[in-house]
Amino acid sequence: SEQDFEASKTKITKKDKVYSPTESALEIILKRSEDETFRNAVVSLKDKFEFRELMSNLYQDFFYRKIDLKDLETAELDRTKSYIIKPNKGFFGTAVKTLKPKTDLTATVSDMKAELETNKKYFSDSILSADEMIIEQLAVGEEYAVDMYFDDIGEPVILNIYHHPVPEKQEYFHVLYYTNRKLF
């Protein structure tokens, strides 16, 4: 269990394979890993801004930038466009907001601060950043998630593929993910 692992003195070496079904163990895993390449890869995937930097050559016209939450209300944005703002390190959709041309930024910042205040009691800074946000253009379309790992020779092994339909009611946003043969 996560508690057993934390209480142990186990180190993660370059030869080890690590599977964590929860992000709450991520901080412990990173501290215990002796493999700098592994640590850097995990951090690069978890840090939304850094990940977008790595992908920027593939999506050169995709707008994104880092911003402190306190600076959102005065940020210079093209207010004819829609954006997504979210914690640079986030979990379970905490404080993810859509900014549309008529969005009240003061109310949005207040809502985000309240969500972050509630959730930072449960998640460390390595899982949920309370001040550092990423704002990016709104990407319209279906959302899919893939659970996978790389085997000994570097080939991807897909464990599952999920579809995340966008619900009509925002409060049901994280309720449904599904998978089936057709998705694969």
Protein backbone atom coordinates (compact mmCIF):
# COMPACT_ATOMS: atom_id res chain seq x y z
CA SER A 1 0.00 0.00 0.00
CA GLU A 2 1.01 3.61 -0.25
CA GLN A 3 1.43 3.76 3.53
CA ASP A 4 3.59 0.61 3.59
CA PHE A 5 5.78 1.97 0.81
CA GLU A 6 6.17 5.31 2.58
CA ALA A 7 7.10 3.60 5.85
CA SER A 8 9.67 1.37 4.14
CA LYS A 9 13.19 2.27 3.10
CA THR A 10 12.65 0.89 -0.41
CA LYS A 11 14.56 2.65 -3.19
CA ILE A 12 13.49 2.59 -6.84
CA THR A 13 16.37 1.73 -9.15
CA LYS A 14 16.76 2.06 -12.90
CA LYS A 15 15.81 -1.61 -13.34
CA ASP A 16 12.52 -1.32 -11.41
CA LYS A 17 9.12 -0.86 -12.97
CA VAL A 18 6.71 1.40 -11.12
CA TYR A 19 2.94 1.41 -11.31
CA SER A 20 0.93 3.81 -9.20
CA PRO A 21 -2.85 3.82 -9.56
CA THR A 22 -3.00 7.13 -7.70
CA GLU A 23 -1.19 10.44 -7.98
CA SER A 24 -1.10 10.80 -4.21
CA ALA A 25 1.92 8.43 -4.13
CA LEU A 26 3.80 10.41 -6.77
CA GLU A 27 5.79 12.52 -4.33
CA ILE A 28 7.01 9.45 -2.45
CA ILE A 29 7.89 7.66 -5.70
CA LEU A 30 9.93 10.62 -6.95
CA LYS A 31 11.80 10.90 -3.64
CA ARG A 32 12.64 7.19 -3.66
CA SER A 33 13.75 6.97 -7.28
CA GLU A 34 17.48 6.83 -7.90
CA ASP A 35 16.95 7.28 -11.65
CA GLU A 36 17.17 10.94 -12.65
CA THR A 37 15.85 10.23 -16.16
CA PHE A 38 12.74 8.62 -14.67
CA ARG A 39 12.20 11.53 -12.26
CA ASN A 40 12.61 14.10 -15.03
CA ALA A 41 10.16 12.25 -17.29
CA VAL A 42 7.50 12.07 -14.58
CA VAL A 43 7.94 15.75 -13.70
CA SER A 44 7.76 16.72 -17.40
CA LEU A 45 4.49 14.86 -17.83
CA LYS A 46 2.97 16.23 -14.63
CA ASP A 47 3.94 19.85 -15.31
CA LYS A 48 1.41 21.01 -17.93
CA PHE A 49 3.51 23.97 -19.10
CA GLU A 50 6.67 21.91 -19.47
CA PHE A 51 4.75 19.20 -21.34
CA ARG A 52 3.35 21.79 -23.76
CA GLU A 53 6.86 23.14 -24.26
CA LEU A 54 7.99 19.63 -25.22
CA MET A 55 5.07 19.32 -27.67
CA SER A 56 5.33 22.84 -29.12
CA ASN A 57 7.09 21.75 -32.32
CA LEU A 58 4.11 19.55 -33.17
CA TYR A 59 1.49 22.21 -32.38
CA GLN A 60 3.21 25.47 -33.25
CA ASP A 61 0.02 27.58 -33.38
CA PHE A 62 -1.38 26.39 -30.04
CA PHE A 63 -1.52 29.29 -27.57
CA TYR A 64 -0.54 28.62 -23.94
CA ARG A 65 1.33 30.45 -21.23
CA LYS A 66 2.09 30.31 -17.53
CA ILE A 67 0.41 32.84 -15.29
CA ASP A 68 0.10 33.45 -11.57
CA LEU A 69 -3.50 33.25 -10.39
CA LYS A 70 -3.17 36.71 -8.84
CA ASP A 71 -2.37 38.15 -12.31
CA LEU A 72 -5.32 36.59 -14.15
CA GLU A 73 -7.73 39.51 -13.64
CA THR A 74 -5.30 41.94 -15.32
CA ALA A 75 -3.90 39.58 -17.97
CA GLU A 76 -3.89 40.87 -21.53
CA LEU A 77 -5.94 38.34 -23.46
CA ASP A 78 -7.83 38.50 -26.72
CA ARG A 79 -11.28 38.66 -25.13
CA THR A 80 -12.93 37.58 -28.39
CA LYS A 81 -11.49 34.09 -27.85
CA SER A 82 -12.15 31.32 -25.32
CA TYR A 83 -9.50 29.80 -23.05
CA ILE A 84 -9.03 27.16 -20.39
CA ILE A 85 -7.25 28.13 -17.18
CA LYS A 86 -6.09 25.48 -14.73
CA PRO A 87 -3.39 24.75 -12.19
CA ASN A 88 -0.07 24.00 -13.87
CA LYS A 89 0.00 20.85 -11.76
CA GLY A 90 -3.52 19.64 -11.25
CA PHE A 91 -5.65 16.77 -10.17
CA PHE A 92 -9.25 15.71 -10.77
CA GLY A 93 -10.27 18.90 -12.55
CA THR A 94 -9.63 21.11 -9.52
CA ALA A 95 -9.97 24.81 -10.39
CA VAL A 96 -10.25 24.17 -14.14
CA LYS A 97 -12.29 26.98 -15.67
CA THR A 98 -13.37 28.02 -19.14
CA LEU A 99 -12.89 31.68 -19.94
CA LYS A 100 -15.27 32.94 -22.59
CA PRO A 101 -15.39 36.48 -23.96
CA LYS A 102 -17.92 37.66 -21.34
CA THR A 103 -16.54 35.68 -18.36
CA ASP A 104 -16.30 37.66 -15.11
CA LEU A 105 -12.59 37.23 -14.30
CA THR A 106 -12.98 38.48 -10.71
CA ALA A 107 -15.63 35.84 -9.96
CA THR A 108 -13.60 33.16 -11.76
CA VAL A 109 -10.47 33.92 -9.73
CA SER A 110 -12.53 33.85 -6.52
CA ASP A 111 -14.02 30.45 -7.44
CA MET A 112 -10.60 29.05 -8.32
CA LYS A 113 -9.07 30.26 -5.04
CA ALA A 114 -11.88 28.62 -3.07
CA GLU A 115 -11.46 25.29 -4.90
CA LEU A 116 -7.70 25.38 -4.47
CA GLU A 117 -7.96 26.25 -0.78
CA THR A 118 -10.25 23.28 -0.20
CA ASN A 119 -8.16 20.80 -2.18
CA LYS A 120 -4.65 21.81 -1.17
CA LYS A 121 -5.45 20.34 2.26
CA TYR A 122 -5.44 16.93 0.60
CA PHE A 123 -2.79 17.24 -2.13
CA SER A 124 0.84 18.34 -1.97
CA ASP A 125 2.38 21.03 -4.17
CA SER A 126 3.84 18.30 -6.39
CA ILE A 127 0.27 17.25 -7.29
CA LEU A 128 -1.65 20.54 -7.16
CA SER A 129 -0.14 23.97 -7.74
CA ALA A 130 -2.18 26.62 -5.93
CA ASP A 131 -0.67 29.73 -7.52
CA GLU A 132 0.96 28.74 -10.81
CA MET A 133 -1.62 28.37 -13.57
CA ILE A 134 -1.54 27.63 -17.25
CA ILE A 135 -3.87 29.39 -19.63
CA GLU A 136 -4.36 27.95 -23.08
CA GLN A 137 -6.64 28.24 -26.03
CA LEU A 138 -9.81 26.22 -25.80
CA ALA A 139 -9.37 22.96 -27.72
CA VAL A 140 -12.79 21.78 -28.80
CA GLY A 141 -13.39 18.07 -29.29
CA GLU A 142 -13.68 14.72 -27.63
CA GLU A 143 -11.44 13.78 -24.70
CA TYR A 144 -9.73 10.43 -24.36
CA ALA A 145 -7.36 9.05 -21.75
CA VAL A 146 -4.86 6.24 -22.20
CA ASP A 147 -3.23 4.15 -19.46
CA MET A 148 0.05 2.72 -20.74
CA TYR A 149 3.66 1.99 -19.98
CA PHE A 150 6.83 1.25 -21.94
CA ASP A 151 8.22 -2.28 -21.86
CA ASP A 152 11.88 -3.36 -21.60
CA ILE A 153 12.59 -2.51 -25.24
CA GLY A 154 10.75 0.81 -25.22
CA GLU A 155 7.54 -0.33 -26.89
CA PRO A 156 4.28 1.15 -25.55
CA VAL A 157 1.91 -1.30 -23.86
CA ILE A 158 -1.64 0.07 -23.73
CA LEU A 159 -3.59 -1.05 -20.68
CA ASN A 160 -6.78 0.88 -21.29
CA ILE A 161 -8.35 3.62 -23.39
CA TYR A 162 -11.18 5.71 -21.97
CA HIS A 163 -13.61 8.15 -23.54
CA HIS A 164 -14.60 11.12 -21.41
CA PRO A 165 -17.81 12.58 -22.82
CA VAL A 166 -18.48 16.22 -21.97
CA PRO A 167 -21.71 16.29 -19.95
CA GLU A 168 -24.47 18.85 -20.35
CA LYS A 169 -24.23 19.69 -16.63
CA GLN A 170 -20.76 20.81 -15.50
CA GLU A 171 -21.21 19.27 -12.02
CA TYR A 172 -21.11 15.82 -13.67
CA PHE A 173 -17.82 16.53 -15.45
CA HIS A 174 -15.77 13.78 -13.74
CA VAL A 175 -18.52 11.25 -13.28
CA LEU A 176 -18.24 9.21 -16.45
CA TYR A 177 -15.33 7.67 -18.30
CA TYR A 178 -16.01 4.57 -20.33
CA THR A 179 -14.21 2.06 -22.47
CA ASN A 180 -15.19 -0.63 -24.92
CA ARG A 181 -13.86 -2.71 -27.79
CA LYS A 182 -14.70 -0.03 -30.38
CA LEU A 183 -12.46 2.53 -28.59
CA PHE A 184 -9.51 0.15 -28.84
